[in-house]
């Protein structure tokens, strides 16, 4: 079955409704960036630091738990505020889904989204056959190097923290890495970085394995097999069990930890099959009663 380059949703639902979750994600990403930029640009310090570690309103500490874990493994002794900040972040993503970070916060997401959009527009079909398990191998290496070397090696290469720090304090040579990542996703591997390689995505996916907030194919009986959701999803392998699993007694909620809760499938579906729900609404006979 062929996949259309352009989903039909904007034509059937109107532009705003067909892009509402995309717009919400962009506002979230810009809001996070503005929070940290306010101090250096305006002198109003709403937040100090960056995504690796920050202090909100001089009260609330937030720490990247992945970075804290690397620091501990390298022999560093974390301060109390760092531990508290990491626990707050862990609790949040354990509830709403770890890979929400990838689609709603991470500054790399607009870069890879642009590459994916261009691939569809230019009909670039060739892609490298990368295994999605590679991200776990890279995660293992990122956690192995600190105890072996005493250095958080990954943080010297991490494009996520490099781009966020660069947007706040100046990019320098980091532009080279971001451009290389964009070209890799565009020309080499579809969703190569976020969907196959990023160890941060793998880490946050593990955190959110039991998250409450999920996407549900609540009206899967209305699916017309247009394949638009598969075309735009950054992790399309997560859709089929929920969308087509009724015959096997599977519920409509997407429980796979790799789902980023981005809402692309909700926006693009002309049949209004998908919506946000909770993992509690996962009876195999569930229908459109989920709001």
Protein backbone atom coordinates (compact mmCIF):
# COMPACT_ATOMS: atom_id res chain seq x y z
CA UNK A 1 0.00 0.00 0.00
CA UNK A 2 1.47 3.39 -0.98
CA UNK A 3 1.76 6.26 1.47
CA UNK A 4 0.60 9.72 0.44
CA UNK A 5 3.14 12.48 0.70
CA UNK A 6 0.55 14.95 1.97
CA UNK A 7 -1.90 13.89 4.68
CA UNK A 8 -5.53 14.82 4.08
CA UNK A 9 -6.25 16.12 7.56
CA UNK A 10 -5.80 19.88 6.83
CA UNK A 11 -8.28 19.58 3.98
CA UNK A 12 -10.91 17.82 6.06
CA UNK A 13 -10.45 19.45 9.48
CA UNK A 14 -9.10 22.91 8.77
CA UNK A 15 -5.50 24.06 9.18
CA UNK A 16 -5.55 24.94 12.87
CA UNK A 17 -7.22 21.73 14.03
CA UNK A 18 -4.86 19.69 11.88
CA UNK A 19 -1.82 21.36 13.48
CA UNK A 20 -2.99 22.09 17.03
CA UNK A 21 -0.58 19.72 18.79
CA UNK A 22 2.31 20.74 16.54
CA UNK A 23 1.68 24.38 17.48
CA UNK A 24 1.43 23.43 21.15
CA UNK A 25 4.78 21.62 20.97
CA UNK A 26 6.48 24.56 19.30
CA UNK A 27 5.10 26.94 21.91
CA UNK A 28 6.37 24.60 24.63
CA UNK A 29 9.84 24.42 23.10
CA UNK A 30 10.00 28.19 22.60
CA UNK A 31 8.66 28.75 26.11
CA UNK A 32 11.40 26.62 27.66
CA UNK A 33 14.03 28.47 25.65
CA UNK A 34 12.53 31.87 26.55
CA UNK A 35 12.56 30.90 30.22
CA UNK A 36 16.33 30.53 30.17
CA UNK A 37 16.94 33.40 27.73
CA UNK A 38 15.02 35.97 29.77
CA UNK A 39 17.92 36.56 32.18
CA UNK A 40 20.78 37.05 29.70
CA UNK A 41 18.61 39.12 27.32
CA UNK A 42 16.40 41.21 29.60
CA UNK A 43 18.00 40.91 33.03
CA UNK A 44 14.87 39.28 34.42
CA UNK A 45 16.12 35.95 35.73
CA UNK A 46 13.15 33.62 35.60
CA UNK A 47 15.54 30.70 35.30
CA UNK A 48 19.27 30.29 35.68
CA UNK A 49 21.32 27.64 33.93
CA UNK A 50 20.14 25.42 31.06
CA UNK A 51 18.53 22.04 30.39
CA UNK A 52 21.42 20.23 32.09
CA UNK A 53 20.73 21.97 35.36
CA UNK A 54 18.87 25.09 36.37
CA UNK A 55 17.13 27.02 39.11
CA UNK A 56 13.62 28.34 38.48
CA UNK A 57 12.75 31.63 40.23
CA UNK A 58 15.70 31.02 42.57
CA UNK A 59 13.59 28.36 44.31
CA UNK A 60 12.96 25.24 42.22
CA UNK A 61 16.02 23.21 41.20
CA UNK A 62 15.82 21.11 38.02
CA UNK A 63 18.56 18.67 37.05
CA UNK A 64 18.90 16.38 34.07
CA UNK A 65 18.94 12.92 35.72
CA UNK A 66 20.94 11.49 32.81
CA UNK A 67 23.70 14.02 33.42
CA UNK A 68 23.55 13.48 37.18
CA UNK A 69 23.93 9.73 36.69
CA UNK A 70 26.98 10.29 34.48
CA UNK A 71 28.44 12.63 37.09
CA UNK A 72 28.01 10.06 39.86
CA UNK A 73 29.53 7.30 37.71
CA UNK A 74 32.54 9.52 36.97
CA UNK A 75 33.20 9.88 40.68
CA UNK A 76 31.51 13.20 41.32
CA UNK A 77 29.60 13.87 44.53
CA UNK A 78 26.24 15.50 43.73
CA UNK A 79 24.97 18.39 45.84
CA UNK A 80 21.61 18.08 47.58
CA UNK A 81 19.91 20.56 45.25
CA UNK A 82 21.11 18.55 42.27
CA UNK A 83 19.61 15.36 43.67
CA UNK A 84 16.32 17.11 44.48
CA UNK A 85 16.22 18.61 40.98
CA UNK A 86 16.79 15.22 39.38
CA UNK A 87 14.06 13.61 41.50
CA UNK A 88 11.58 16.32 40.44
CA UNK A 89 12.39 15.75 36.77
CA UNK A 90 12.22 11.96 37.19
CA UNK A 91 8.81 12.17 38.88
CA UNK A 92 7.41 14.44 36.17
CA UNK A 93 8.53 12.31 33.23
CA UNK A 94 7.59 9.08 34.97
CA UNK A 95 4.03 10.45 35.09
CA UNK A 96 3.62 12.10 31.68
CA UNK A 97 6.01 9.91 29.66
CA UNK A 98 9.77 10.20 29.45
CA UNK A 99 9.90 10.84 25.74
CA UNK A 100 7.67 13.86 26.18
CA UNK A 101 11.05 15.49 26.72
CA UNK A 102 11.96 14.58 23.13
CA UNK A 103 8.89 16.10 21.49
CA UNK A 104 7.92 18.95 23.83
CA UNK A 105 11.22 20.22 25.30
CA UNK A 106 14.28 19.08 23.34
CA UNK A 107 15.70 21.84 21.07
CA UNK A 108 16.88 19.22 18.56
CA UNK A 109 13.28 18.20 17.81
CA UNK A 110 12.51 21.13 15.45
CA UNK A 111 15.73 20.34 13.56
CA UNK A 112 14.84 16.69 13.02
CA UNK A 113 11.19 17.58 12.33
CA UNK A 114 12.35 19.91 9.57
CA UNK A 115 14.51 17.17 8.07
CA UNK A 116 11.58 14.72 8.17
CA UNK A 117 9.25 17.29 6.57
CA UNK A 118 11.75 17.93 3.77
CA UNK A 119 12.14 14.19 3.19
CA UNK A 120 8.39 13.92 2.63
CA UNK A 121 8.23 17.03 0.44
CA UNK A 122 11.17 15.93 -1.70
CA UNK A 123 10.02 12.29 -1.69
CA UNK A 124 13.42 11.07 -0.46
CA UNK A 125 12.77 7.40 0.16
CA UNK A 126 16.28 5.94 0.43
CA UNK A 127 17.30 5.37 4.02
CA UNK A 128 19.95 3.53 5.98
CA UNK A 129 18.70 0.40 7.75
CA UNK A 130 19.71 1.38 11.28
CA UNK A 131 18.47 -0.69 14.17
CA UNK A 132 16.39 1.15 16.74
CA UNK A 133 18.34 -0.79 19.38
CA UNK A 134 21.44 1.23 18.61
CA UNK A 135 20.26 3.94 21.00
CA UNK A 136 20.54 1.48 23.88
CA UNK A 137 24.06 0.51 22.89
CA UNK A 138 24.98 4.21 22.81
CA UNK A 139 23.24 4.71 26.16
CA UNK A 140 25.34 1.89 27.59
CA UNK A 141 28.53 3.45 26.23
CA UNK A 142 27.56 6.88 27.59
CA UNK A 143 27.23 5.32 31.05
CA UNK A 144 30.31 3.09 30.68
CA UNK A 145 32.84 5.80 29.82
CA UNK A 146 32.47 7.87 33.06
CA UNK A 147 33.59 5.11 35.47
CA UNK A 148 36.33 4.01 33.07
CA UNK A 149 37.72 7.46 32.32
CA UNK A 150 36.47 9.67 35.14
CA UNK A 151 35.04 11.99 32.46
CA UNK A 152 31.47 12.53 31.27
CA UNK A 153 32.50 11.87 27.68
CA UNK A 154 28.99 12.03 26.25
CA UNK A 155 28.49 15.62 27.39
CA UNK A 156 31.30 16.73 25.08
CA UNK A 157 29.29 15.37 22.12
CA UNK A 158 25.67 15.74 23.25
CA UNK A 159 23.91 17.84 20.56
CA UNK A 160 20.91 18.45 22.84
CA UNK A 161 22.81 20.27 25.57
CA UNK A 162 25.18 21.85 23.04
CA UNK A 163 22.34 23.41 21.05
CA UNK A 164 20.48 24.64 24.12
CA UNK A 165 23.61 26.16 25.66
CA UNK A 166 24.54 27.58 22.27
CA UNK A 167 21.19 29.31 21.78
CA UNK A 168 21.61 30.96 25.18
CA UNK A 169 25.34 31.71 25.27
CA UNK A 170 26.44 31.50 21.62
CA UNK A 171 26.79 28.58 19.23
CA UNK A 172 30.42 28.56 18.17
CA UNK A 173 31.38 25.35 16.36
CA UNK A 174 28.21 23.60 17.61
CA UNK A 175 26.48 24.73 14.40
CA UNK A 176 28.65 22.20 12.55
CA UNK A 177 27.34 19.31 14.62
CA UNK A 178 23.71 20.44 14.32
CA UNK A 179 24.03 20.83 10.54
CA UNK A 180 25.59 17.36 10.29
CA UNK A 181 22.73 15.90 12.32
CA UNK A 182 20.17 17.62 10.06
CA UNK A 183 21.83 16.31 6.90
CA UNK A 184 22.09 12.84 8.42
CA UNK A 185 18.33 12.76 9.04
CA UNK A 186 17.57 14.26 5.64
CA UNK A 187 19.86 12.23 3.40
CA UNK A 188 21.01 9.13 5.27
CA UNK A 189 18.42 7.77 7.70
CA UNK A 190 14.78 8.73 8.22
CA UNK A 191 14.43 9.91 11.82
CA UNK A 192 17.97 8.62 12.22
CA UNK A 193 18.95 10.59 15.30
CA UNK A 194 15.79 10.67 17.43
CA UNK A 195 14.42 7.31 16.30
CA UNK A 196 17.60 5.23 16.24
CA UNK A 197 20.61 6.81 17.93
CA UNK A 198 19.91 9.33 20.68
CA UNK A 199 20.88 7.85 24.08
CA UNK A 200 19.00 10.62 25.90
CA UNK A 201 15.81 9.52 24.17
CA UNK A 202 16.52 5.93 25.20
CA UNK A 203 17.11 7.02 28.80
CA UNK A 204 13.93 9.08 29.04
CA UNK A 205 11.98 6.31 27.33
CA UNK A 206 13.01 3.94 30.11
CA UNK A 207 11.96 6.49 32.73
CA UNK A 208 8.49 6.80 31.22
CA UNK A 209 7.84 3.09 30.63
CA UNK A 210 4.90 3.10 33.04
CA UNK A 211 3.68 6.67 32.41
CA UNK A 212 0.02 7.49 32.95
CA UNK A 213 -0.48 9.88 30.01
CA UNK A 214 -0.70 8.09 26.65
CA UNK A 215 -2.05 8.41 23.14
CA UNK A 216 -5.03 6.18 22.41
CA UNK A 217 -6.54 4.94 19.15
CA UNK A 218 -9.88 5.34 20.88
CA UNK A 219 -11.90 5.24 17.64
CA UNK A 220 -9.82 2.63 15.86
CA UNK A 221 -12.96 1.12 14.38
CA UNK A 222 -13.16 4.28 12.22
CA UNK A 223 -9.67 3.76 10.71
CA UNK A 224 -9.72 3.76 6.89
CA UNK A 225 -6.14 2.47 6.49
CA UNK A 226 -4.91 5.71 4.89
CA UNK A 227 -1.49 5.23 6.60
CA UNK A 228 -1.09 8.96 7.31
CA UNK A 229 -0.33 8.33 10.99
CA UNK A 230 2.46 5.91 10.06
CA UNK A 231 3.87 8.47 7.60
CA UNK A 232 4.29 11.25 10.17
CA UNK A 233 5.01 9.29 13.36
CA UNK A 234 8.67 9.48 14.49
CA UNK A 235 8.28 5.97 15.98
CA UNK A 236 5.74 4.32 13.64
CA UNK A 237 6.32 0.85 15.07
CA UNK A 238 4.38 1.87 18.21
CA UNK A 239 1.08 2.45 16.39
CA UNK A 240 0.08 -0.93 15.01
CA UNK A 241 -0.46 -2.87 18.29
CA UNK A 242 -2.97 -0.27 19.51
CA UNK A 243 -4.57 0.51 16.15
CA UNK A 244 -4.87 -3.03 14.77
CA UNK A 245 -4.76 -5.14 17.92
CA UNK A 246 -8.48 -5.51 18.59
CA UNK A 247 -8.58 -9.01 17.12
CA UNK A 248 -5.82 -10.07 19.53
CA UNK A 249 -7.64 -8.54 22.48
CA UNK A 250 -5.24 -5.60 22.77
CA UNK A 251 -6.51 -2.28 24.03
CA UNK A 252 -6.36 0.97 22.04
CA UNK A 253 -3.77 2.75 24.21
CA UNK A 254 -0.22 3.06 22.87
CA UNK A 255 1.86 1.67 25.72
CA UNK A 256 5.21 1.44 23.96
CA UNK A 257 7.82 3.50 25.82
CA UNK A 258 9.18 4.84 22.53
CA UNK A 259 6.00 6.85 21.87
CA UNK A 260 6.88 10.53 22.26
CA UNK A 261 3.31 11.74 22.96
CA UNK A 262 3.87 14.29 20.20
CA UNK A 263 0.27 14.24 18.93
CA UNK A 264 1.23 13.97 15.26
CA UNK A 265 -1.15 11.04 14.77
CA UNK A 266 -3.96 13.03 16.38
CA UNK A 267 -3.40 16.02 14.12
CA UNK A 268 -3.05 14.10 10.88
CA UNK A 269 -5.95 11.65 11.23
CA UNK A 270 -8.94 12.68 9.12
CA UNK A 271 -11.10 10.09 10.91
CA UNK A 272 -10.38 11.42 14.43
CA UNK A 273 -9.11 8.00 15.53
CA UNK A 274 -6.49 9.18 18.03
CA UNK A 275 -6.61 11.29 21.15
CA UNK A 276 -4.75 11.76 24.43
CA UNK A 277 -5.94 9.54 27.25
CA UNK A 278 -4.44 7.55 30.11
CA UNK A 279 -3.17 3.99 30.28
CA UNK A 280 -6.21 3.23 32.45
CA UNK A 281 -8.52 3.50 29.40
CA UNK A 282 -7.13 0.40 27.73
CA UNK A 283 -9.96 -2.09 27.53
CA UNK A 284 -9.98 -3.96 24.26
CA UNK A 285 -13.57 -2.89 23.61
CA UNK A 286 -12.89 0.83 24.30
CA UNK A 287 -14.47 3.27 21.87
CA UNK A 288 -14.84 7.00 21.58
CA UNK A 289 -15.83 7.68 25.18
CA UNK A 290 -12.34 8.96 26.00
CA UNK A 291 -12.08 12.73 26.05
